[in-house]
Amino acid sequence: MSRPFEMTLKVCGYDPVRKADVVKAAEDIWNFDNWWDQKEAASGKDVLCGCGQGNLVGGEEEADFAERLAEAVWKVNGSFCEVTVDATALESIPYDTFVFDEEEYKKMQRT
């Protein structure tokens, strides 16, 4: 079974020398096609964020995916850094549907 997701990765306090390794490790696991980095104002630590869409397959759950991603980042970073993964299920995003029938059309024509 395949389920579409958007994953957002935030890595705070990584070793800046290993930035390319962190990006590669993450991209080996998921299609992160948008990357940006910044300094976190409160802590002054380097923050690296990535975002991308893809599919979880083989029955993998979001928590298992996030754990696997965090382990890969920690391994290449060589030490602890804070890893946050936001998983958004694309097939169940809240949405609104608006249907305008002929009665609505006539009502709008009168105003």
PDB file of N, CA and C in Angstrom:
ATOM      1  N   MET A   1       0.836  -1.176   0.000  1.00  0.00           N
ATOM      2  CA  MET A   1       0.000   0.000   0.000  1.00  0.00           C
ATOM      3  C   MET A   1       0.884   1.244   0.000  1.00  0.00           C
ATOM      4  N   SER A   2       0.495   2.236  -0.734  1.00  0.00           N
ATOM      5  CA  SER A   2       1.250   3.476  -0.853  1.00  0.00           C
ATOM      6  C   SER A   2       0.367   4.641  -0.412  1.00  0.00           C
ATOM      7  N   ARG A   3       0.907   5.478   0.480  1.00  0.00           N
ATOM      8  CA  ARG A   3       0.138   6.627   0.966  1.00  0.00           C
ATOM      9  C   ARG A   3       0.936   7.902   0.744  1.00  0.00           C
ATOM     10  N   PRO A   4       0.342   8.922   0.092  1.00  0.00           N
ATOM     11  CA  PRO A   4       1.063  10.157  -0.197  1.00  0.00           C
ATOM     12  C   PRO A   4       1.205  11.054   1.042  1.00  0.00           C
ATOM     13  N   PHE A   5       2.406  11.589   1.209  1.00  0.00           N
ATOM     14  CA  PHE A   5       2.705  12.475   2.338  1.00  0.00           C
ATOM     15  C   PHE A   5       3.571  13.636   1.881  1.00  0.00           C
ATOM     16  N   GLU A   6       3.488  14.718   2.640  1.00  0.00           N
ATOM     17  CA  GLU A   6       4.492  15.767   2.560  1.00  0.00           C
ATOM     18  C   GLU A   6       5.247  15.699   3.878  1.00  0.00           C
ATOM     19  N   MET A   7       6.554  15.594   3.779  1.00  0.00           N
ATOM     20  CA  MET A   7       7.397  15.528   4.974  1.00  0.00           C
ATOM     21  C   MET A   7       8.223  16.807   5.060  1.00  0.00           C
ATOM     22  N   THR A   8       8.240  17.372   6.245  1.00  0.00           N
ATOM     23  CA  THR A   8       9.081  18.530   6.519  1.00  0.00           C
ATOM     24  C   THR A   8      10.063  18.122   7.607  1.00  0.00           C
ATOM     25  N   LEU A   9      11.333  18.333   7.332  1.00  0.00           N
ATOM     26  CA  LEU A   9      12.415  17.960   8.246  1.00  0.00           C
ATOM     27  C   LEU A   9      13.070  19.225   8.771  1.00  0.00           C
ATOM     28  N   LYS A  10      13.264  19.296  10.073  1.00  0.00           N
ATOM     29  CA  LYS A  10      13.986  20.403  10.703  1.00  0.00           C
ATOM     30  C   LYS A  10      15.091  19.802  11.557  1.00  0.00           C
ATOM     31  N   VAL A  11      16.330  20.191  11.277  1.00  0.00           N
ATOM     32  CA  VAL A  11      17.484  19.701  12.017  1.00  0.00           C
ATOM     33  C   VAL A  11      18.148  20.906  12.672  1.00  0.00           C
ATOM     34  N   CYS A  12      18.154  20.918  13.993  1.00  0.00           N
ATOM     35  CA  CYS A  12      18.668  22.064  14.743  1.00  0.00           C
ATOM     36  C   CYS A  12      19.919  21.663  15.515  1.00  0.00           C
ATOM     37  N   GLY A  13      20.984  22.458  15.342  1.00  0.00           N
ATOM     38  CA  GLY A  13      22.215  22.202  16.077  1.00  0.00           C
ATOM     39  C   GLY A  13      23.104  21.156  15.439  1.00  0.00           C
ATOM     40  N   TYR A  14      22.981  20.956  14.128  1.00  0.00           N
ATOM     41  CA  TYR A  14      23.841  20.005  13.422  1.00  0.00           C
ATOM     42  C   TYR A  14      25.241  20.599  13.260  1.00  0.00           C
ATOM     43  N   ASP A  15      26.187  19.764  12.945  1.00  0.00           N
ATOM     44  CA  ASP A  15      27.562  20.197  12.697  1.00  0.00           C
ATOM     45  C   ASP A  15      27.610  20.823  11.301  1.00  0.00           C
ATOM     46  N   PRO A  16      27.853  22.132  11.197  1.00  0.00           N
ATOM     47  CA  PRO A  16      27.844  22.801   9.892  1.00  0.00           C
ATOM     48  C   PRO A  16      28.821  22.190   8.885  1.00  0.00           C
ATOM     49  N   VAL A  17      29.893  21.591   9.371  1.00  0.00           N
ATOM     50  CA  VAL A  17      30.860  20.945   8.490  1.00  0.00           C
ATOM     51  C   VAL A  17      30.224  19.735   7.799  1.00  0.00           C
ATOM     52  N   ARG A  18      29.237  19.154   8.439  1.00  0.00           N
ATOM     53  CA  ARG A  18      28.588  17.948   7.908  1.00  0.00           C
ATOM     54  C   ARG A  18      27.236  18.229   7.254  1.00  0.00           C
ATOM     55  N   LYS A  19      26.978  19.467   6.931  1.00  0.00           N
ATOM     56  CA  LYS A  19      25.692  19.847   6.331  1.00  0.00           C
ATOM     57  C   LYS A  19      25.385  19.024   5.076  1.00  0.00           C
ATOM     58  N   ALA A  20      26.331  18.909   4.169  1.00  0.00           N
ATOM     59  CA  ALA A  20      26.106  18.147   2.928  1.00  0.00           C
ATOM     60  C   ALA A  20      25.801  16.690   3.223  1.00  0.00           C
ATOM     61  N   ASP A  21      26.449  16.127   4.244  1.00  0.00           N
ATOM     62  CA  ASP A  21      26.188  14.737   4.626  1.00  0.00           C
ATOM     63  C   ASP A  21      24.775  14.572   5.181  1.00  0.00           C
ATOM     64  N   VAL A  22      24.332  15.556   5.971  1.00  0.00           N
ATOM     65  CA  VAL A  22      22.977  15.513   6.528  1.00  0.00           C
ATOM     66  C   VAL A  22      21.953  15.567   5.399  1.00  0.00           C
ATOM     67  N   VAL A  23      22.157  16.475   4.454  1.00  0.00           N
ATOM     68  CA  VAL A  23      21.245  16.602   3.316  1.00  0.00           C
ATOM     69  C   VAL A  23      21.210  15.305   2.512  1.00  0.00           C
ATOM     70  N   LYS A  24      22.373  14.733   2.234  1.00  0.00           N
ATOM     71  CA  LYS A  24      22.425  13.496   1.441  1.00  0.00           C
ATOM     72  C   LYS A  24      21.734  12.345   2.168  1.00  0.00           C
ATOM     73  N   ALA A  25      21.984  12.216   3.461  1.00  0.00           N
ATOM     74  CA  ALA A  25      21.350  11.139   4.232  1.00  0.00           C
ATOM     75  C   ALA A  25      19.830  11.274   4.202  1.00  0.00           C
ATOM     76  N   ALA A  26      19.343  12.490   4.340  1.00  0.00           N
ATOM     77  CA  ALA A  26      17.894  12.716   4.310  1.00  0.00           C
ATOM     78  C   ALA A  26      17.333  12.418   2.923  1.00  0.00           C
ATOM     79  N   GLU A  27      18.041  12.859   1.889  1.00  0.00           N
ATOM     80  CA  GLU A  27      17.561  12.643   0.519  1.00  0.00           C
ATOM     81  C   GLU A  27      17.650  11.179   0.093  1.00  0.00           C
ATOM     82  N   ASP A  28      18.501  10.407   0.743  1.00  0.00           N
ATOM     83  CA  ASP A  28      18.543   8.968   0.473  1.00  0.00           C
ATOM     84  C   ASP A  28      17.271   8.279   0.974  1.00  0.00           C
ATOM     85  N   ILE A  29      16.583   8.914   1.906  1.00  0.00           N
ATOM     86  CA  ILE A  29      15.385   8.336   2.497  1.00  0.00           C
ATOM     87  C   ILE A  29      14.106   8.935   1.910  1.00  0.00           C
ATOM     88  N   TRP A  30      14.121  10.201   1.551  1.00  0.00           N
ATOM     89  CA  TRP A  30      12.911  10.894   1.092  1.00  0.00           C
ATOM     90  C   TRP A  30      13.283  11.913   0.024  1.00  0.00           C
ATOM     91  N   ASN A  31      12.325  12.254  -0.795  1.00  0.00           N
ATOM     92  CA  ASN A  31      12.530  13.234  -1.855  1.00  0.00           C
ATOM     93  C   ASN A  31      12.356  14.653  -1.308  1.00  0.00           C
ATOM     94  N   PHE A  32      13.357  15.123  -0.579  1.00  0.00           N
ATOM     95  CA  PHE A  32      13.337  16.508  -0.097  1.00  0.00           C
ATOM     96  C   PHE A  32      13.823  17.392  -1.239  1.00  0.00           C
ATOM     97  N   ASP A  33      12.886  18.107  -1.862  1.00  0.00           N
ATOM     98  CA  ASP A  33      13.266  18.915  -3.023  1.00  0.00           C
ATOM     99  C   ASP A  33      13.386  20.401  -2.709  1.00  0.00           C
ATOM    100  N   ASN A  34      13.036  20.801  -1.509  1.00  0.00           N
ATOM    101  CA  ASN A  34      13.194  22.197  -1.098  1.00  0.00           C
ATOM    102  C   ASN A  34      14.001  22.244   0.189  1.00  0.00           C
ATOM    103  N   TRP A  35      15.119  22.973   0.153  1.00  0.00           N
ATOM    104  CA  TRP A  35      15.981  23.094   1.334  1.00  0.00           C
ATOM    105  C   TRP A  35      16.214  24.559   1.659  1.00  0.00           C
ATOM    106  N   TRP A  36      16.321  24.855   2.929  1.00  0.00           N
ATOM    107  CA  TRP A  36      16.730  26.177   3.356  1.00  0.00           C
ATOM    108  C   TRP A  36      17.393  26.052   4.720  1.00  0.00           C
ATOM    109  N   ASP A  37      18.266  26.994   5.032  1.00  0.00           N
ATOM    110  CA  ASP A  37      18.907  26.980   6.337  1.00  0.00           C
ATOM    111  C   ASP A  37      18.882  28.377   6.929  1.00  0.00           C
ATOM    112  N   GLN A  38      19.084  28.434   8.225  1.00  0.00           N
ATOM    113  CA  GLN A  38      18.988  29.691   8.954  1.00  0.00           C
ATOM    114  C   GLN A  38      19.677  29.541  10.295  1.00  0.00           C
ATOM    115  N   LYS A  39      19.756  30.608  11.028  1.00  0.00           N
ATOM    116  CA  LYS A  39      20.201  30.578  12.421  1.00  0.00           C
ATOM    117  C   LYS A  39      18.966  30.736  13.290  1.00  0.00           C
ATOM    118  N   GLU A  40      18.842  29.901  14.299  1.00  0.00           N
ATOM    119  CA  GLU A  40      17.714  30.018  15.214  1.00  0.00           C
ATOM    120  C   GLU A  40      18.002  31.149  16.185  1.00  0.00           C
ATOM    121  N   ALA A  41      17.147  32.133  16.215  1.00  0.00           N
ATOM    122  CA  ALA A  41      17.376  33.341  16.996  1.00  0.00           C
ATOM    123  C   ALA A  41      17.583  33.051  18.486  1.00  0.00           C
ATOM    124  N   ALA A  42      16.731  32.237  19.059  1.00  0.00           N
ATOM    125  CA  ALA A  42      16.800  32.001  20.501  1.00  0.00           C
ATOM    126  C   ALA A  42      18.086  31.290  20.914  1.00  0.00           C
ATOM    127  N   SER A  43      18.483  30.283  20.151  1.00  0.00           N
ATOM    128  CA  SER A  43      19.643  29.488  20.549  1.00  0.00           C
ATOM    129  C   SER A  43      20.913  29.857  19.802  1.00  0.00           C
ATOM    130  N   GLY A  44      20.786  30.495  18.655  1.00  0.00           N
ATOM    131  CA  GLY A  44      21.942  30.804  17.828  1.00  0.00           C
ATOM    132  C   GLY A  44      22.474  29.602  17.065  1.00  0.00           C
ATOM    133  N   LYS A  45      21.763  28.477  17.147  1.00  0.00           N
ATOM    134  CA  LYS A  45      22.209  27.260  16.468  1.00  0.00           C
ATOM    135  C   LYS A  45      21.814  27.278  14.996  1.00  0.00           C
ATOM    136  N   ASP A  46      22.598  26.553  14.188  1.00  0.00           N
ATOM    137  CA  ASP A  46      22.265  26.386  12.786  1.00  0.00           C
ATOM    138  C   ASP A  46      21.034  25.487  12.667  1.00  0.00           C
ATOM    139  N   VAL A  47      20.116  25.870  11.790  1.00  0.00           N
ATOM    140  CA  VAL A  47      18.911  25.086  11.531  1.00  0.00           C
ATOM    141  C   VAL A  47      18.838  24.805  10.041  1.00  0.00           C
ATOM    142  N   LEU A  48      18.607  23.562   9.714  1.00  0.00           N
ATOM    143  CA  LEU A  48      18.484  23.120   8.324  1.00  0.00           C
ATOM    144  C   LEU A  48      17.098  22.516   8.157  1.00  0.00           C
ATOM    145  N   CYS A  49      16.365  22.992   7.162  1.00  0.00           N
ATOM    146  CA  CYS A  49      15.004  22.500   6.930  1.00  0.00           C
ATOM    147  C   CYS A  49      14.876  22.007   5.503  1.00  0.00           C
ATOM    148  N   GLY A  50      14.114  20.953   5.347  1.00  0.00           N
ATOM    149  CA  GLY A  50      13.824  20.410   4.029  1.00  0.00           C
ATOM    150  C   GLY A  50      12.368  20.006   3.952  1.00  0.00           C
ATOM    151  N   CYS A  51      11.839  20.032   2.737  1.00  0.00           N
ATOM    152  CA  CYS A  51      10.440  19.697   2.542  1.00  0.00           C
ATOM    153  C   CYS A  51      10.295  18.968   1.214  1.00  0.00           C
ATOM    154  N   GLY A  52       9.431  17.985   1.167  1.00  0.00           N
ATOM    155  CA  GLY A  52       9.190  17.274  -0.080  1.00  0.00           C
ATOM    156  C   GLY A  52       8.031  16.305   0.040  1.00  0.00           C
ATOM    157  N   GLN A  53       7.529  15.914  -1.109  1.00  0.00           N
ATOM    158  CA  GLN A  53       6.400  14.998  -1.160  1.00  0.00           C
ATOM    159  C   GLN A  53       6.826  13.646  -1.710  1.00  0.00           C
ATOM    160  N   GLY A  54       6.131  12.616  -1.250  1.00  0.00           N
ATOM    161  CA  GLY A  54       6.409  11.263  -1.704  1.00  0.00           C
ATOM    162  C   GLY A  54       5.394  10.317  -1.104  1.00  0.00           C
ATOM    163  N   ASN A  55       5.707   9.038  -1.136  1.00  0.00           N
ATOM    164  CA  ASN A  55       4.788   8.021  -0.632  1.00  0.00           C
ATOM    165  C   ASN A  55       5.459   7.139   0.404  1.00  0.00           C
ATOM    166  N   LEU A  56       4.738   6.892   1.491  1.00  0.00           N
ATOM    167  CA  LEU A  56       5.148   5.853   2.427  1.00  0.00           C
ATOM    168  C   LEU A  56       4.635   4.543   1.864  1.00  0.00           C
ATOM    169  N   VAL A  57       5.496   3.549   1.815  1.00  0.00           N
ATOM    170  CA  VAL A  57       5.126   2.276   1.197  1.00  0.00           C
ATOM    171  C   VAL A  57       5.389   1.120   2.162  1.00  0.00           C
ATOM    172  N   GLY A  58       4.852  -0.025   1.805  1.00  0.00           N
ATOM    173  CA  GLY A  58       5.106  -1.245   2.567  1.00  0.00           C
ATOM    174  C   GLY A  58       4.529  -1.229   3.964  1.00  0.00           C
ATOM    175  N   GLY A  59       3.521  -0.405   4.210  1.00  0.00           N
ATOM    176  CA  GLY A  59       2.903  -0.362   5.525  1.00  0.00           C
ATOM    177  C   GLY A  59       3.677   0.438   6.558  1.00  0.00           C
ATOM    178  N   GLU A  60       4.728   1.155   6.135  1.00  0.00           N
ATOM    179  CA  GLU A  60       5.493   1.952   7.089  1.00  0.00           C
ATOM    180  C   GLU A  60       4.623   3.074   7.639  1.00  0.00           C
ATOM    181  N   GLU A  61       4.643   3.234   8.936  1.00  0.00           N
ATOM    182  CA  GLU A  61       3.879   4.289   9.599  1.00  0.00           C
ATOM    183  C   GLU A  61       4.737   5.548   9.712  1.00  0.00           C
ATOM    184  N   GLU A  62       4.079   6.664   9.921  1.00  0.00           N
ATOM    185  CA  GLU A  62       4.765   7.950  10.008  1.00  0.00           C
ATOM    186  C   GLU A  62       5.827   7.957  11.110  1.00  0.00           C
ATOM    187  N   ALA A  63       5.496   7.399  12.274  1.00  0.00           N
ATOM    188  CA  ALA A  63       6.439   7.392  13.393  1.00  0.00           C
ATOM    189  C   ALA A  63       7.673   6.556  13.076  1.00  0.00           C
ATOM    190  N   ASP A  64       7.480   5.434  12.391  1.00  0.00           N
ATOM    191  CA  ASP A  64       8.614   4.588  12.012  1.00  0.00           C
ATOM    192  C   ASP A  64       9.501   5.308  11.008  1.00  0.00           C
ATOM    193  N   PHE A  65       8.877   5.983  10.044  1.00  0.00           N
ATOM    194  CA  PHE A  65       9.634   6.757   9.065  1.00  0.00           C
ATOM    195  C   PHE A  65      10.457   7.843   9.757  1.00  0.00           C
ATOM    196  N   ALA A  66       9.812   8.595  10.650  1.00  0.00           N
ATOM    197  CA  ALA A  66      10.490   9.689  11.349  1.00  0.00           C
ATOM    198  C   ALA A  66      11.680   9.174  12.160  1.00  0.00           C
ATOM    199  N   GLU A  67      11.511   8.039  12.807  1.00  0.00           N
ATOM    200  CA  GLU A  67      12.599   7.448  13.593  1.00  0.00           C
ATOM    201  C   GLU A  67      13.761   7.041  12.684  1.00  0.00           C
ATOM    202  N   ARG A  68      13.433   6.442  11.558  1.00  0.00           N
ATOM    203  CA  ARG A  68      14.474   6.018  10.609  1.00  0.00           C
ATOM    204  C   ARG A  68      15.237   7.234  10.069  1.00  0.00           C
ATOM    205  N   LEU A  69      14.526   8.308   9.792  1.00  0.00           N
ATOM    206  CA  LEU A  69      15.151   9.532   9.297  1.00  0.00           C
ATOM    207  C   LEU A  69      16.051  10.160  10.358  1.00  0.00           C
ATOM    208  N   ALA A  70      15.567  10.230  11.596  1.00  0.00           N
ATOM    209  CA  ALA A  70      16.368  10.796  12.687  1.00  0.00           C
ATOM    210  C   ALA A  70      17.654   9.994  12.891  1.00  0.00           C
ATOM    211  N   GLU A  71      17.559   8.675  12.856  1.00  0.00           N
ATOM    212  CA  GLU A  71      18.749   7.834  13.021  1.00  0.00           C
ATOM    213  C   GLU A  71      19.769   8.086  11.919  1.00  0.00           C
ATOM    214  N   ALA A  72      19.299   8.256  10.682  1.00  0.00           N
ATOM    215  CA  ALA A  72      20.215   8.523   9.567  1.00  0.00           C
ATOM    216  C   ALA A  72      20.913   9.867   9.741  1.00  0.00           C
ATOM    217  N   VAL A  73      20.163  10.878  10.181  1.00  0.00           N
ATOM    218  CA  VAL A  73      20.747  12.211  10.401  1.00  0.00           C
ATOM    219  C   VAL A  73      21.780  12.147  11.519  1.00  0.00           C
ATOM    220  N   TRP A  74      21.447  11.514  12.628  1.00  0.00           N
ATOM    221  CA  TRP A  74      22.389  11.418  13.753  1.00  0.00           C
ATOM    222  C   TRP A  74      23.650  10.676  13.375  1.00  0.00           C
ATOM    223  N   LYS A  75      23.494   9.633  12.572  1.00  0.00           N
ATOM    224  CA  LYS A  75      24.654   8.833  12.175  1.00  0.00           C
ATOM    225  C   LYS A  75      25.658   9.683  11.396  1.00  0.00           C
ATOM    226  N   VAL A  76      25.190  10.422  10.409  1.00  0.00           N
ATOM    227  CA  VAL A  76      26.129  11.213   9.602  1.00  0.00           C
ATOM    228  C   VAL A  76      26.577  12.476  10.321  1.00  0.00           C
ATOM    229  N   ASN A  77      25.765  12.987  11.245  1.00  0.00           N
ATOM    230  CA  ASN A  77      26.162  14.169  12.002  1.00  0.00           C
ATOM    231  C   ASN A  77      27.250  13.830  13.018  1.00  0.00           C
ATOM    232  N   GLY A  78      27.270  12.575  13.472  1.00  0.00           N
ATOM    233  CA  GLY A  78      28.300  12.147  14.413  1.00  0.00           C
ATOM    234  C   GLY A  78      28.003  12.480  15.858  1.00  0.00           C
ATOM    235  N   SER A  79      26.906  13.155  16.115  1.00  0.00           N
ATOM    236  CA  SER A  79      26.509  13.504  17.478  1.00  0.00           C
ATOM    237  C   SER A  79      25.043  13.931  17.463  1.00  0.00           C
ATOM    238  N   PHE A  80      24.529  14.195  18.653  1.00  0.00           N
ATOM    239  CA  PHE A  80      23.136  14.595  18.758  1.00  0.00           C
ATOM    240  C   PHE A  80      22.885  15.943  18.099  1.00  0.00           C
ATOM    241  N   CYS A  81      21.745  16.049  17.454  1.00  0.00           N
ATOM    242  CA  CYS A  81      21.153  17.306  17.011  1.00  0.00           C
ATOM    243  C   CYS A  81      19.651  17.085  17.071  1.00  0.00           C
ATOM    244  N   GLU A  82      18.909  18.139  17.296  1.00  0.00           N
ATOM    245  CA  GLU A  82      17.455  17.994  17.399  1.00  0.00           C
ATOM    246  C   GLU A  82      16.861  17.782  16.015  1.00  0.00           C
ATOM    247  N   VAL A  83      16.046  16.739  15.879  1.00  0.00           N
ATOM    248  CA  VAL A  83      15.413  16.401  14.604  1.00  0.00           C
ATOM    249  C   VAL A  83      13.900  16.447  14.801  1.00  0.00           C
ATOM    250  N   THR A  84      13.233  17.229  13.958  1.00  0.00           N
ATOM    251  CA  THR A  84      11.771  17.319  13.974  1.00  0.00           C
ATOM    252  C   THR A  84      11.256  16.930  12.603  1.00  0.00           C
ATOM    253  N   VAL A  85      10.274  16.043  12.556  1.00  0.00           N
ATOM    254  CA  VAL A  85       9.663  15.620  11.301  1.00  0.00           C
ATOM    255  C   VAL A  85       8.168  15.896  11.382  1.00  0.00           C
ATOM    256  N   ASP A  86       7.671  16.703  10.462  1.00  0.00           N
ATOM    257  CA  ASP A  86       6.233  16.924  10.331  1.00  0.00           C
ATOM    258  C   ASP A  86       5.753  16.099   9.151  1.00  0.00           C
ATOM    259  N   ALA A  87       4.804  15.201   9.405  1.00  0.00           N
ATOM    260  CA  ALA A  87       4.251  14.346   8.366  1.00  0.00           C
ATOM    261  C   ALA A  87       2.803  14.761   8.102  1.00  0.00           C
ATOM    262  N   THR A  88       2.534  15.187   6.875  1.00  0.00           N
ATOM    263  CA  THR A  88       1.188  15.594   6.489  1.00  0.00           C
ATOM    264  C   THR A  88       0.638  14.594   5.475  1.00  0.00           C
ATOM    265  N   ALA A  89      -0.410  13.891   5.856  1.00  0.00           N
ATOM    266  CA  ALA A  89      -1.044  12.926   4.955  1.00  0.00           C
ATOM    267  C   ALA A  89      -1.826  13.697   3.897  1.00  0.00           C
ATOM    268  N   LEU A  90      -1.429  13.558   2.652  1.00  0.00           N
ATOM    269  CA  LEU A  90      -2.032  14.349   1.586  1.00  0.00           C
ATOM    270  C   LEU A  90      -3.406  13.847   1.159  1.00  0.00           C
ATOM    271  N   GLU A  91      -3.716  12.604   1.467  1.00  0.00           N
ATOM    272  CA  GLU A  91      -5.019  12.090   1.049  1.00  0.00           C
ATOM    273  C   GLU A  91      -6.126  12.439   2.033  1.00  0.00           C
ATOM    274  N   SER A  92      -5.764  12.973   3.185  1.00  0.00           N
ATOM    275  CA  SER A  92      -6.797  13.288   4.175  1.00  0.00           C
ATOM    276  C   SER A  92      -6.679  14.715   4.706  1.00  0.00           C
ATOM    277  N   ILE A  93      -6.136  15.605   3.891  1.00  0.00           N
ATOM    278  CA  ILE A  93      -6.047  17.003   4.293  1.00  0.00           C
ATOM    279  C   ILE A  93      -7.466  17.573   4.337  1.00  0.00           C
ATOM    280  N   PRO A  94      -7.788  18.337   5.365  1.00  0.00           N
ATOM    281  CA  PRO A  94      -9.114  18.960   5.399  1.00  0.00           C
ATOM    282  C   PRO A  94      -9.294  19.881   4.189  1.00  0.00           C
ATOM    283  N   TYR A  95     -10.476  19.846   3.646  1.00  0.00           N
ATOM    284  CA  TYR A  95     -10.777  20.727   2.524  1.00  0.00           C
ATOM    285  C   TYR A  95     -12.269  21.026   2.508  1.00  0.00           C
ATOM    286  N   ASP A  96     -12.641  22.070   1.793  1.00  0.00           N
ATOM    287  CA  ASP A  96     -14.033  22.448   1.622  1.00  0.00           C
ATOM    288  C   ASP A  96     -14.396  22.293   0.162  1.00  0.00           C
ATOM    289  N   THR A  97     -15.619  21.855  -0.076  1.00  0.00           N
ATOM    290  CA  THR A  97     -16.134  21.742  -1.433  1.00  0.00           C
ATOM    291  C   THR A  97     -17.314  22.683  -1.567  1.00  0.00           C
ATOM    292  N   PHE A  98     -17.316  23.459  -2.614  1.00  0.00           N
ATOM    293  CA  PHE A  98     -18.401  24.388  -2.875  1.00  0.00           C
ATOM    294  C   PHE A  98     -19.036  24.018  -4.201  1.00  0.00           C
ATOM    295  N   VAL A  99     -20.310  23.691  -4.174  1.00  0.00           N
ATOM    296  CA  VAL A  99     -21.049  23.333  -5.379  1.00  0.00           C
ATOM    297  C   VAL A  99     -22.112  24.405  -5.602  1.00  0.00           C
ATOM    298  N   PHE A 100     -22.100  24.982  -6.785  1.00  0.00           N
ATOM    299  CA  PHE A 100     -23.077  26.007  -7.121  1.00  0.00           C
ATOM    300  C   PHE A 100     -24.027  25.446  -8.162  1.00  0.00           C
ATOM    301  N   ASP A 101     -25.268  25.205  -7.725  1.00  0.00           N
ATOM    302  CA  ASP A 101     -26.259  24.637  -8.630  1.00  0.00           C
ATOM    303  C   ASP A 101     -27.040  25.758  -9.338  1.00  0.00           C
ATOM    304  N   GLU A 102     -28.031  25.357 -10.105  1.00  0.00           N
ATOM    305  CA  GLU A 102     -28.795  26.326 -10.893  1.00  0.00           C
ATOM    306  C   GLU A 102     -29.533  27.313  -9.997  1.00  0.00           C
ATOM    307  N   GLU A 103     -30.003  26.840  -8.846  1.00  0.00           N
ATOM    308  CA  GLU A 103     -30.690  27.737  -7.912  1.00  0.00           C
ATOM    309  C   GLU A 103     -29.749  28.836  -7.428  1.00  0.00           C
ATOM    310  N   GLU A 104     -28.525  28.483  -7.127  1.00  0.00           N
ATOM    311  CA  GLU A 104     -27.518  29.475  -6.717  1.00  0.00           C
ATOM    312  C   GLU A 104     -27.246  30.467  -7.852  1.00  0.00           C
ATOM    313  N   TYR A 105     -27.197  29.951  -9.053  1.00  0.00           N
ATOM    314  CA  TYR A 105     -26.972  30.793 -10.217  1.00  0.00           C
ATOM    315  C   TYR A 105     -28.080  31.845 -10.339  1.00  0.00           C
ATOM    316  N   LYS A 106     -29.313  31.402 -10.225  1.00  0.00           N
ATOM    317  CA  LYS A 106     -30.448  32.327 -10.328  1.00  0.00           C
ATOM    318  C   LYS A 106     -30.435  33.346  -9.211  1.00  0.00           C
ATOM    319  N   LYS A 107     -30.066  32.897  -8.000  1.00  0.00           N
ATOM    320  CA  LYS A 107     -30.001  33.800  -6.861  1.00  0.00           C
ATOM    321  C   LYS A 107     -28.960  34.898  -7.112  1.00  0.00           C
ATOM    322  N   MET A 108     -27.816  34.536  -7.655  1.00  0.00           N
ATOM    323  CA  MET A 108     -26.755  35.507  -7.930  1.00  0.00           C
ATOM    324  C   MET A 108     -27.158  36.465  -9.039  1.00  0.00           C
ATOM    325  N   GLN A 109     -27.946  36.004  -9.979  1.00  0.00           N
ATOM    326  CA  GLN A 109     -28.375  36.858 -11.080  1.00  0.00           C
ATOM    327  C   GLN A 109     -29.326  37.956 -10.608  1.00  0.00           C
ATOM    328  N   ARG A 110     -30.068  37.705  -9.541  1.00  0.00           N
ATOM    329  CA  ARG A 110     -31.025  38.669  -9.016  1.00  0.00           C
ATOM    330  C   ARG A 110     -30.346  39.779  -8.233  1.00  0.00           C
ATOM    331  N   THR A 111     -29.149  39.557  -7.749  1.00  0.00           N
ATOM    332  CA  THR A 111     -28.501  40.596  -6.924  1.00  0.00           C
ATOM    333  C   THR A 111     -27.587  41.474  -7.710  1.00  0.00           C
TER     334      THR A 111
END
